[in-house]
C-alpha cells in the first residue's frame, strides 16, 4: 500500500458538491482516504475564465497500479460531467478535474490505451510535471502533507511552496 496524492478542481456547477462527490467516489474505488485539504478558491491557471476554481488535494492509501488509477480517475471525471480532457496545454472550464500528483516514490512516464469506443491513448506522468509551479496544487498539498518529498526534485511540499 502506498500513498496516492490527487489534485481536485472544479470551476463549473456546484463546485463544492462536485469535489465532495469526487472524493466519495474515489474513496469507494481507490482505497481509504487518509486526508483532505481545505477547499481553496483560485483563479483559472493557463486560460481566462470568469469562473474561479475550487481546488483541493486528497491522500488515499491504495495498492492499485498507475494505469488502473488513471482509468478510475478519468471514469469519475466522466461520471461527474467532464466531457473532454485538456490537450496540448489548451485548458477550458470544467465541472471536475482530477490529477494524479504523487504515488509513493514512483516516477512514471507511460501511454495507456483507455477503454471505450475510441480506444484513445492517455499519457501519465508521475510526479505530475506541472505540480511544482502551481500554487493551487502546492498550497493544499503542503497543508495535508508538508513533509512529502517530490521524488524528482528531492524537496518537500513545504519547500516547493516556499519557492513559489
N, C-alpha and C. Protein backbone atom coordinates (compact mmCIF):
# COMPACT_ATOMS: atom_id res chain seq x y z
N UNK A 1 0.84 -1.19 0.00
CA UNK A 1 0.00 0.00 0.00
C UNK A 1 0.88 1.24 0.00
N UNK A 2 0.48 2.18 -0.83
CA UNK A 2 1.23 3.44 -0.93
C UNK A 2 0.27 4.61 -0.84
N UNK A 3 0.83 5.78 -0.54
CA UNK A 3 0.03 7.00 -0.53
C UNK A 3 -0.08 7.55 -1.94
N UNK A 4 -1.31 7.86 -2.33
CA UNK A 4 -1.62 8.46 -3.62
C UNK A 4 -2.16 9.86 -3.34
N UNK A 5 -1.56 10.85 -3.98
CA UNK A 5 -1.98 12.24 -3.82
C UNK A 5 -2.65 12.68 -5.11
N UNK A 6 -3.91 13.12 -4.98
CA UNK A 6 -4.68 13.58 -6.12
C UNK A 6 -5.02 15.05 -5.97
N UNK A 7 -4.87 15.80 -7.05
CA UNK A 7 -5.33 17.18 -7.10
C UNK A 7 -6.74 17.20 -7.65
N UNK A 8 -7.61 17.94 -7.01
CA UNK A 8 -9.02 18.03 -7.41
C UNK A 8 -9.36 19.48 -7.69
N UNK A 9 -10.12 19.70 -8.76
CA UNK A 9 -10.54 21.06 -9.08
C UNK A 9 -11.88 21.08 -9.77
N UNK A 10 -12.60 22.20 -9.61
CA UNK A 10 -13.89 22.39 -10.26
C UNK A 10 -14.13 23.88 -10.43
N UNK A 11 -14.59 24.28 -11.64
CA UNK A 11 -14.98 25.67 -11.80
C UNK A 11 -16.31 25.85 -12.53
N UNK A 12 -17.08 24.78 -12.64
CA UNK A 12 -18.43 24.87 -13.22
C UNK A 12 -19.41 24.12 -12.33
N UNK A 13 -20.63 24.61 -12.26
CA UNK A 13 -21.65 23.92 -11.49
C UNK A 13 -21.49 24.16 -10.00
N UNK A 14 -22.01 23.24 -9.22
CA UNK A 14 -21.90 23.30 -7.76
C UNK A 14 -20.53 22.74 -7.37
N UNK A 15 -19.53 23.61 -7.37
CA UNK A 15 -18.14 23.21 -7.24
C UNK A 15 -17.87 22.38 -5.99
N UNK A 16 -18.30 22.85 -4.83
CA UNK A 16 -18.02 22.11 -3.59
C UNK A 16 -18.69 20.75 -3.61
N UNK A 17 -19.94 20.70 -4.07
CA UNK A 17 -20.65 19.43 -4.14
C UNK A 17 -19.94 18.46 -5.09
N UNK A 18 -19.46 18.96 -6.22
CA UNK A 18 -18.74 18.10 -7.17
C UNK A 18 -17.45 17.57 -6.57
N UNK A 19 -16.72 18.41 -5.85
CA UNK A 19 -15.48 17.95 -5.20
C UNK A 19 -15.79 16.88 -4.15
N UNK A 20 -16.82 17.09 -3.38
CA UNK A 20 -17.19 16.11 -2.35
C UNK A 20 -17.66 14.80 -2.98
N UNK A 21 -18.40 14.88 -4.07
CA UNK A 21 -18.82 13.66 -4.77
C UNK A 21 -17.60 12.93 -5.32
N UNK A 22 -16.64 13.67 -5.87
CA UNK A 22 -15.42 13.05 -6.41
C UNK A 22 -14.68 12.32 -5.30
N UNK A 23 -14.54 12.95 -4.14
CA UNK A 23 -13.84 12.32 -3.01
C UNK A 23 -14.55 11.04 -2.61
N UNK A 24 -15.87 11.08 -2.53
CA UNK A 24 -16.63 9.89 -2.14
C UNK A 24 -16.46 8.76 -3.15
N UNK A 25 -16.58 9.06 -4.44
CA UNK A 25 -16.42 8.03 -5.47
C UNK A 25 -15.00 7.47 -5.49
N UNK A 26 -14.01 8.35 -5.37
CA UNK A 26 -12.61 7.90 -5.37
C UNK A 26 -12.33 7.01 -4.16
N UNK A 27 -12.87 7.35 -3.02
CA UNK A 27 -12.64 6.55 -1.81
C UNK A 27 -13.23 5.16 -1.98
N UNK A 28 -14.40 5.07 -2.58
CA UNK A 28 -15.02 3.76 -2.81
C UNK A 28 -14.19 2.91 -3.77
N UNK A 29 -13.56 3.53 -4.76
CA UNK A 29 -12.92 2.79 -5.83
C UNK A 29 -11.41 2.62 -5.68
N UNK A 30 -10.78 3.54 -4.98
CA UNK A 30 -9.31 3.54 -4.90
C UNK A 30 -8.81 2.98 -3.59
N UNK A 31 -9.41 3.40 -2.49
CA UNK A 31 -8.93 2.97 -1.19
C UNK A 31 -9.28 3.97 -0.12
N UNK A 32 -8.73 3.76 1.06
CA UNK A 32 -9.07 4.59 2.21
C UNK A 32 -8.53 6.00 2.09
N UNK A 33 -9.37 6.96 2.40
CA UNK A 33 -8.98 8.37 2.40
C UNK A 33 -8.21 8.66 3.68
N UNK A 34 -6.98 9.14 3.54
CA UNK A 34 -6.14 9.48 4.70
C UNK A 34 -6.27 10.93 5.09
N UNK A 35 -6.52 11.79 4.11
CA UNK A 35 -6.59 13.21 4.40
C UNK A 35 -7.12 13.99 3.23
N UNK A 36 -7.73 15.13 3.54
CA UNK A 36 -8.26 16.02 2.52
C UNK A 36 -8.01 17.44 2.97
N UNK A 37 -7.45 18.23 2.08
CA UNK A 37 -7.18 19.63 2.40
C UNK A 37 -8.47 20.43 2.45
N UNK A 38 -8.35 21.65 2.89
CA UNK A 38 -9.44 22.62 2.75
C UNK A 38 -9.65 22.87 1.25
N UNK A 39 -10.76 23.51 0.92
CA UNK A 39 -11.02 23.90 -0.46
C UNK A 39 -10.52 25.33 -0.64
N UNK A 40 -9.74 25.53 -1.68
CA UNK A 40 -9.12 26.82 -1.97
C UNK A 40 -9.74 27.40 -3.23
N UNK A 41 -10.24 28.63 -3.14
CA UNK A 41 -10.76 29.29 -4.34
C UNK A 41 -9.59 29.97 -5.05
N UNK A 42 -9.44 29.66 -6.34
CA UNK A 42 -8.31 30.17 -7.11
C UNK A 42 -8.78 30.63 -8.48
N UNK A 43 -7.98 31.49 -9.06
CA UNK A 43 -8.24 31.92 -10.43
C UNK A 43 -7.82 30.82 -11.40
N UNK A 44 -8.47 30.74 -12.56
CA UNK A 44 -8.04 29.75 -13.56
C UNK A 44 -6.56 29.93 -13.90
N UNK A 45 -5.91 28.83 -14.17
CA UNK A 45 -4.48 28.83 -14.49
C UNK A 45 -4.33 28.35 -15.93
N UNK A 46 -3.66 29.13 -16.77
CA UNK A 46 -3.39 28.71 -18.14
C UNK A 46 -4.47 29.09 -19.13
N UNK A 47 -5.54 29.74 -18.65
CA UNK A 47 -6.59 30.23 -19.55
C UNK A 47 -7.41 31.28 -18.81
N UNK A 48 -8.19 32.05 -19.56
CA UNK A 48 -9.04 33.08 -18.97
C UNK A 48 -10.46 32.56 -18.84
N UNK A 49 -11.07 32.87 -17.70
CA UNK A 49 -12.46 32.49 -17.46
C UNK A 49 -13.01 33.36 -16.35
N UNK A 50 -14.30 33.60 -16.40
CA UNK A 50 -14.96 34.33 -15.31
C UNK A 50 -15.32 33.41 -14.15
N UNK A 51 -15.05 32.12 -14.30
CA UNK A 51 -15.42 31.12 -13.30
C UNK A 51 -14.20 30.71 -12.48
N UNK A 52 -14.11 31.11 -11.20
CA UNK A 52 -12.99 30.67 -10.37
C UNK A 52 -13.11 29.18 -10.02
N UNK A 53 -11.99 28.60 -9.68
CA UNK A 53 -11.92 27.20 -9.29
C UNK A 53 -12.02 27.04 -7.78
N UNK A 54 -12.48 25.88 -7.38
CA UNK A 54 -12.23 25.37 -6.03
C UNK A 54 -11.24 24.24 -6.23
N UNK A 55 -10.17 24.25 -5.46
CA UNK A 55 -9.14 23.23 -5.55
C UNK A 55 -8.89 22.60 -4.20
N UNK A 56 -8.47 21.34 -4.23
CA UNK A 56 -8.12 20.61 -3.01
C UNK A 56 -7.14 19.51 -3.38
N UNK A 57 -6.52 18.94 -2.37
CA UNK A 57 -5.68 17.75 -2.54
C UNK A 57 -6.14 16.71 -1.53
N UNK A 58 -6.28 15.48 -2.02
CA UNK A 58 -6.63 14.36 -1.16
C UNK A 58 -5.52 13.32 -1.17
N UNK A 59 -5.45 12.55 -0.08
CA UNK A 59 -4.47 11.48 0.04
C UNK A 59 -5.21 10.18 0.30
N UNK A 60 -4.94 9.18 -0.51
CA UNK A 60 -5.55 7.86 -0.36
C UNK A 60 -4.47 6.81 -0.18
N UNK A 61 -4.77 5.74 0.56
CA UNK A 61 -3.90 4.55 0.65
C UNK A 61 -4.43 3.54 -0.34
N UNK A 62 -3.57 3.05 -1.23
CA UNK A 62 -4.03 2.13 -2.26
C UNK A 62 -2.90 1.22 -2.69
N UNK A 63 -3.29 0.12 -3.32
CA UNK A 63 -2.30 -0.79 -3.91
C UNK A 63 -2.54 -0.94 -5.41
N UNK A 64 -3.39 -0.09 -5.98
CA UNK A 64 -3.70 -0.18 -7.40
C UNK A 64 -2.53 0.32 -8.24
N UNK A 65 -2.43 -0.21 -9.45
CA UNK A 65 -1.36 0.20 -10.37
C UNK A 65 -1.70 1.53 -11.02
N UNK A 66 -0.68 2.29 -11.45
CA UNK A 66 -0.93 3.61 -12.04
C UNK A 66 -1.91 3.60 -13.21
N UNK A 67 -1.84 2.62 -14.08
CA UNK A 67 -2.76 2.56 -15.22
C UNK A 67 -4.21 2.46 -14.74
N UNK A 68 -4.45 1.62 -13.74
CA UNK A 68 -5.80 1.48 -13.21
C UNK A 68 -6.25 2.76 -12.53
N UNK A 69 -5.35 3.43 -11.82
CA UNK A 69 -5.69 4.70 -11.17
C UNK A 69 -6.08 5.76 -12.20
N UNK A 70 -5.35 5.80 -13.31
CA UNK A 70 -5.68 6.75 -14.37
C UNK A 70 -7.07 6.46 -14.92
N UNK A 71 -7.34 5.21 -15.18
CA UNK A 71 -8.68 4.83 -15.68
C UNK A 71 -9.78 5.18 -14.68
N UNK A 72 -9.55 4.88 -13.41
CA UNK A 72 -10.56 5.17 -12.39
C UNK A 72 -10.81 6.67 -12.24
N UNK A 73 -9.76 7.46 -12.21
CA UNK A 73 -9.95 8.91 -12.05
C UNK A 73 -10.66 9.50 -13.27
N UNK A 74 -10.32 9.03 -14.46
CA UNK A 74 -10.99 9.56 -15.64
C UNK A 74 -12.45 9.11 -15.69
N UNK A 75 -12.75 7.92 -15.20
CA UNK A 75 -14.14 7.46 -15.14
C UNK A 75 -14.95 8.35 -14.18
N UNK A 76 -14.37 8.70 -13.04
CA UNK A 76 -15.05 9.58 -12.09
C UNK A 76 -15.30 10.94 -12.74
N UNK A 77 -14.30 11.47 -13.46
CA UNK A 77 -14.50 12.75 -14.16
C UNK A 77 -15.69 12.66 -15.11
N UNK A 78 -15.77 11.61 -15.89
CA UNK A 78 -16.89 11.45 -16.83
C UNK A 78 -18.23 11.37 -16.10
N UNK A 79 -18.25 10.61 -15.00
CA UNK A 79 -19.49 10.47 -14.23
C UNK A 79 -19.97 11.80 -13.68
N UNK A 80 -19.05 12.69 -13.38
CA UNK A 80 -19.41 13.98 -12.79
C UNK A 80 -19.52 15.08 -13.84
N UNK A 81 -19.54 14.70 -15.12
CA UNK A 81 -19.88 15.67 -16.15
C UNK A 81 -18.77 16.17 -17.04
N UNK A 82 -17.56 15.70 -16.84
CA UNK A 82 -16.48 16.16 -17.72
C UNK A 82 -16.57 15.43 -19.05
N UNK A 83 -16.54 16.18 -20.13
CA UNK A 83 -16.71 15.58 -21.45
C UNK A 83 -15.43 15.51 -22.26
N UNK A 84 -14.46 16.37 -21.96
CA UNK A 84 -13.20 16.29 -22.72
C UNK A 84 -12.04 16.70 -21.84
N UNK A 85 -10.89 16.12 -22.15
CA UNK A 85 -9.67 16.41 -21.42
C UNK A 85 -8.94 17.56 -22.08
N UNK A 86 -8.10 18.24 -21.32
CA UNK A 86 -7.24 19.28 -21.88
C UNK A 86 -6.19 18.61 -22.75
N UNK A 87 -5.93 19.21 -23.89
CA UNK A 87 -4.97 18.64 -24.82
C UNK A 87 -3.94 19.71 -25.18
N UNK A 88 -2.68 19.35 -25.14
CA UNK A 88 -1.58 20.23 -25.56
C UNK A 88 -1.65 21.61 -24.90
N UNK A 89 -1.93 21.62 -23.60
CA UNK A 89 -1.93 22.88 -22.87
C UNK A 89 -3.13 23.77 -23.14
N UNK A 90 -4.14 23.27 -23.81
CA UNK A 90 -5.37 24.03 -24.07
C UNK A 90 -6.37 23.71 -22.98
N UNK A 91 -6.50 24.61 -22.01
CA UNK A 91 -7.37 24.39 -20.87
C UNK A 91 -8.71 25.08 -21.08
N UNK A 92 -9.75 24.58 -20.42
CA UNK A 92 -11.08 25.15 -20.52
C UNK A 92 -11.82 24.92 -19.20
N UNK A 93 -12.93 25.62 -19.03
CA UNK A 93 -13.78 25.41 -17.87
C UNK A 93 -14.19 23.95 -17.78
N UNK A 94 -14.38 23.45 -16.54
CA UNK A 94 -14.76 22.05 -16.38
C UNK A 94 -15.41 21.84 -15.02
N UNK A 95 -16.37 20.92 -14.99
CA UNK A 95 -17.03 20.65 -13.72
C UNK A 95 -16.12 19.92 -12.73
N UNK A 96 -15.19 19.13 -13.25
CA UNK A 96 -14.28 18.38 -12.36
C UNK A 96 -12.98 18.10 -13.09
N UNK A 97 -11.91 18.15 -12.34
CA UNK A 97 -10.59 17.80 -12.85
C UNK A 97 -9.89 17.03 -11.74
N UNK A 98 -9.35 15.88 -12.09
CA UNK A 98 -8.63 15.05 -11.12
C UNK A 98 -7.25 14.75 -11.70
N UNK A 99 -6.22 15.18 -11.01
CA UNK A 99 -4.85 14.95 -11.46
C UNK A 99 -4.12 14.05 -10.49
N UNK A 100 -3.42 13.03 -11.01
CA UNK A 100 -2.53 12.23 -10.20
C UNK A 100 -1.27 13.06 -9.98
N UNK A 101 -0.97 13.36 -8.74
CA UNK A 101 0.18 14.21 -8.41
C UNK A 101 1.40 13.39 -8.03
N UNK A 102 1.25 12.56 -7.01
CA UNK A 102 2.34 11.73 -6.49
C UNK A 102 1.78 10.37 -6.13
N UNK A 103 2.59 9.34 -6.32
CA UNK A 103 2.19 7.99 -5.90
C UNK A 103 3.41 7.34 -5.29
N UNK A 104 3.47 7.41 -3.96
CA UNK A 104 4.66 6.93 -3.27
C UNK A 104 5.87 7.67 -3.81
N UNK A 105 6.92 6.90 -4.10
CA UNK A 105 8.13 7.49 -4.68
C UNK A 105 8.24 7.17 -6.16
N UNK A 106 7.16 6.73 -6.77
CA UNK A 106 7.18 6.30 -8.16
C UNK A 106 7.43 7.45 -9.12
N UNK A 107 8.19 7.14 -10.16
CA UNK A 107 8.39 8.03 -11.29
C UNK A 107 7.94 7.24 -12.51
N UNK A 108 6.92 7.77 -13.20
CA UNK A 108 6.30 7.06 -14.31
C UNK A 108 6.13 7.99 -15.49
N UNK A 109 6.47 7.50 -16.68
CA UNK A 109 6.14 8.15 -17.96
C UNK A 109 5.59 7.04 -18.82
N UNK A 110 4.29 7.07 -19.11
CA UNK A 110 3.69 5.96 -19.86
C UNK A 110 2.46 6.42 -20.61
N UNK A 111 2.21 5.78 -21.74
CA UNK A 111 0.99 5.95 -22.50
C UNK A 111 0.17 4.69 -22.33
N UNK A 112 -1.12 4.89 -22.13
CA UNK A 112 -2.04 3.77 -21.94
C UNK A 112 -3.19 3.91 -22.92
N UNK A 113 -3.66 2.79 -23.44
CA UNK A 113 -4.87 2.79 -24.25
C UNK A 113 -6.04 2.71 -23.29
N UNK A 114 -6.92 3.69 -23.38
CA UNK A 114 -8.04 3.76 -22.47
C UNK A 114 -9.21 2.97 -23.03
N UNK A 115 -10.00 2.36 -22.16
CA UNK A 115 -11.14 1.58 -22.63
C UNK A 115 -12.22 2.49 -23.20
N UNK A 116 -13.07 1.93 -24.03
CA UNK A 116 -14.16 2.69 -24.62
C UNK A 116 -14.17 2.54 -26.12
N UNK A 117 -15.11 3.20 -26.73
CA UNK A 117 -15.30 3.07 -28.16
C UNK A 117 -14.12 3.60 -28.96
N UNK A 118 -13.52 4.70 -28.51
CA UNK A 118 -12.46 5.34 -29.29
C UNK A 118 -11.09 4.73 -29.06
N UNK A 119 -10.92 4.02 -27.95
CA UNK A 119 -9.62 3.42 -27.60
C UNK A 119 -8.51 4.47 -27.64
N UNK A 120 -8.82 5.66 -27.15
CA UNK A 120 -7.84 6.74 -27.16
C UNK A 120 -6.72 6.46 -26.18
N UNK A 121 -5.58 7.11 -26.43
CA UNK A 121 -4.43 6.97 -25.54
C UNK A 121 -4.44 8.10 -24.52
N UNK A 122 -3.96 7.77 -23.35
CA UNK A 122 -3.79 8.77 -22.29
C UNK A 122 -2.37 8.67 -21.80
N UNK A 123 -1.77 9.81 -21.54
CA UNK A 123 -0.39 9.85 -21.04
C UNK A 123 -0.42 10.10 -19.54
N UNK A 124 0.44 9.38 -18.83
CA UNK A 124 0.56 9.57 -17.39
C UNK A 124 2.00 9.90 -17.05
N UNK A 125 2.16 11.00 -16.32
CA UNK A 125 3.46 11.40 -15.77
C UNK A 125 3.33 11.48 -14.26
N UNK A 126 4.16 10.74 -13.57
CA UNK A 126 4.24 10.81 -12.11
C UNK A 126 5.69 11.06 -11.74
N UNK A 127 5.97 12.04 -10.91
CA UNK A 127 5.04 13.00 -10.37
C UNK A 127 4.47 13.89 -11.49
N UNK A 128 3.34 14.55 -11.17
CA UNK A 128 2.72 15.45 -12.15
C UNK A 128 3.76 16.48 -12.58
N UNK A 129 3.96 16.66 -13.89
CA UNK A 129 5.06 17.50 -14.37
C UNK A 129 4.90 18.99 -14.09
N UNK A 130 3.71 19.46 -13.76
CA UNK A 130 3.50 20.90 -13.53
C UNK A 130 3.17 21.24 -12.08
N UNK A 131 3.09 20.22 -11.23
CA UNK A 131 2.62 20.49 -9.88
C UNK A 131 3.48 21.51 -9.13
N UNK A 132 4.78 21.48 -9.33
CA UNK A 132 5.69 22.33 -8.57
C UNK A 132 5.63 23.80 -8.96
N UNK A 133 4.92 24.14 -10.04
CA UNK A 133 4.79 25.54 -10.45
C UNK A 133 3.37 26.05 -10.25
N UNK A 134 2.53 25.26 -9.63
CA UNK A 134 1.13 25.61 -9.44
C UNK A 134 0.82 25.78 -7.96
N UNK A 135 0.63 27.02 -7.55
CA UNK A 135 0.30 27.30 -6.14
C UNK A 135 -1.00 26.61 -5.75
N UNK A 136 -1.96 26.52 -6.68
CA UNK A 136 -3.25 25.90 -6.37
C UNK A 136 -3.12 24.40 -6.10
N UNK A 137 -1.99 23.81 -6.46
CA UNK A 137 -1.68 22.42 -6.10
C UNK A 137 -0.83 22.38 -4.84
N UNK A 138 0.21 23.18 -4.82
CA UNK A 138 1.18 23.08 -3.73
C UNK A 138 0.63 23.56 -2.38
N UNK A 139 -0.24 24.55 -2.38
CA UNK A 139 -0.77 25.03 -1.10
C UNK A 139 -1.62 23.95 -0.41
N UNK A 140 -2.59 23.34 -1.10
CA UNK A 140 -3.32 22.26 -0.40
C UNK A 140 -2.47 21.02 -0.14
N UNK A 141 -1.51 20.72 -1.02
CA UNK A 141 -0.63 19.58 -0.77
C UNK A 141 0.20 19.82 0.48
N UNK A 142 0.75 21.02 0.61
CA UNK A 142 1.56 21.34 1.81
C UNK A 142 0.70 21.34 3.07
N UNK A 143 -0.59 21.59 2.93
CA UNK A 143 -1.48 21.53 4.09
C UNK A 143 -1.64 20.09 4.59
N UNK A 144 -1.88 19.14 3.67
CA UNK A 144 -2.14 17.76 4.09
C UNK A 144 -0.88 16.93 4.26
N UNK A 145 0.21 17.31 3.57
CA UNK A 145 1.44 16.51 3.63
C UNK A 145 2.66 17.41 3.44
N UNK A 146 2.94 18.27 4.40
CA UNK A 146 4.04 19.22 4.23
C UNK A 146 5.41 18.57 4.04
N UNK A 147 5.59 17.35 4.57
CA UNK A 147 6.89 16.70 4.50
C UNK A 147 7.02 15.67 3.38
N UNK A 148 5.96 15.50 2.57
CA UNK A 148 6.08 14.55 1.46
C UNK A 148 7.14 15.08 0.50
N UNK A 149 7.97 14.17 0.00
CA UNK A 149 9.09 14.57 -0.85
C UNK A 149 8.78 14.30 -2.31
N UNK A 150 8.98 15.31 -3.13
CA UNK A 150 8.86 15.17 -4.58
C UNK A 150 10.01 14.27 -5.03
N UNK A 151 9.71 13.11 -5.65
CA UNK A 151 10.77 12.14 -5.94
C UNK A 151 11.77 12.57 -7.01
N UNK A 152 11.48 13.59 -7.77
CA UNK A 152 12.42 14.08 -8.78
C UNK A 152 13.18 15.29 -8.25
N UNK A 153 12.46 16.23 -7.64
CA UNK A 153 13.10 17.45 -7.16
C UNK A 153 13.82 17.27 -5.82
N UNK A 154 13.43 16.25 -5.07
CA UNK A 154 14.06 15.99 -3.78
C UNK A 154 13.73 17.03 -2.72
N UNK A 155 12.63 17.77 -2.91
CA UNK A 155 12.20 18.80 -1.95
C UNK A 155 10.86 18.39 -1.36
N UNK A 156 10.60 18.88 -0.15
CA UNK A 156 9.30 18.63 0.46
C UNK A 156 8.25 19.55 -0.17
N UNK A 157 6.99 19.20 0.04
CA UNK A 157 5.90 20.06 -0.44
C UNK A 157 6.03 21.46 0.16
N UNK A 158 6.36 21.53 1.42
CA UNK A 158 6.53 22.83 2.08
C UNK A 158 7.63 23.65 1.41
N UNK A 159 8.77 23.02 1.12
CA UNK A 159 9.87 23.74 0.46
C UNK A 159 9.48 24.24 -0.93
N UNK A 160 8.78 23.39 -1.68
CA UNK A 160 8.35 23.79 -3.03
C UNK A 160 7.39 24.97 -2.93
N UNK A 161 6.46 24.91 -1.99
CA UNK A 161 5.52 26.03 -1.81
C UNK A 161 6.26 27.30 -1.45
N UNK A 162 7.23 27.21 -0.56
CA UNK A 162 8.01 28.39 -0.17
C UNK A 162 8.76 28.98 -1.36
N UNK A 163 9.16 28.15 -2.33
CA UNK A 163 9.89 28.61 -3.51
C UNK A 163 8.99 29.32 -4.53
N UNK A 164 7.68 29.10 -4.43
CA UNK A 164 6.77 29.72 -5.41
C UNK A 164 6.64 31.22 -5.23
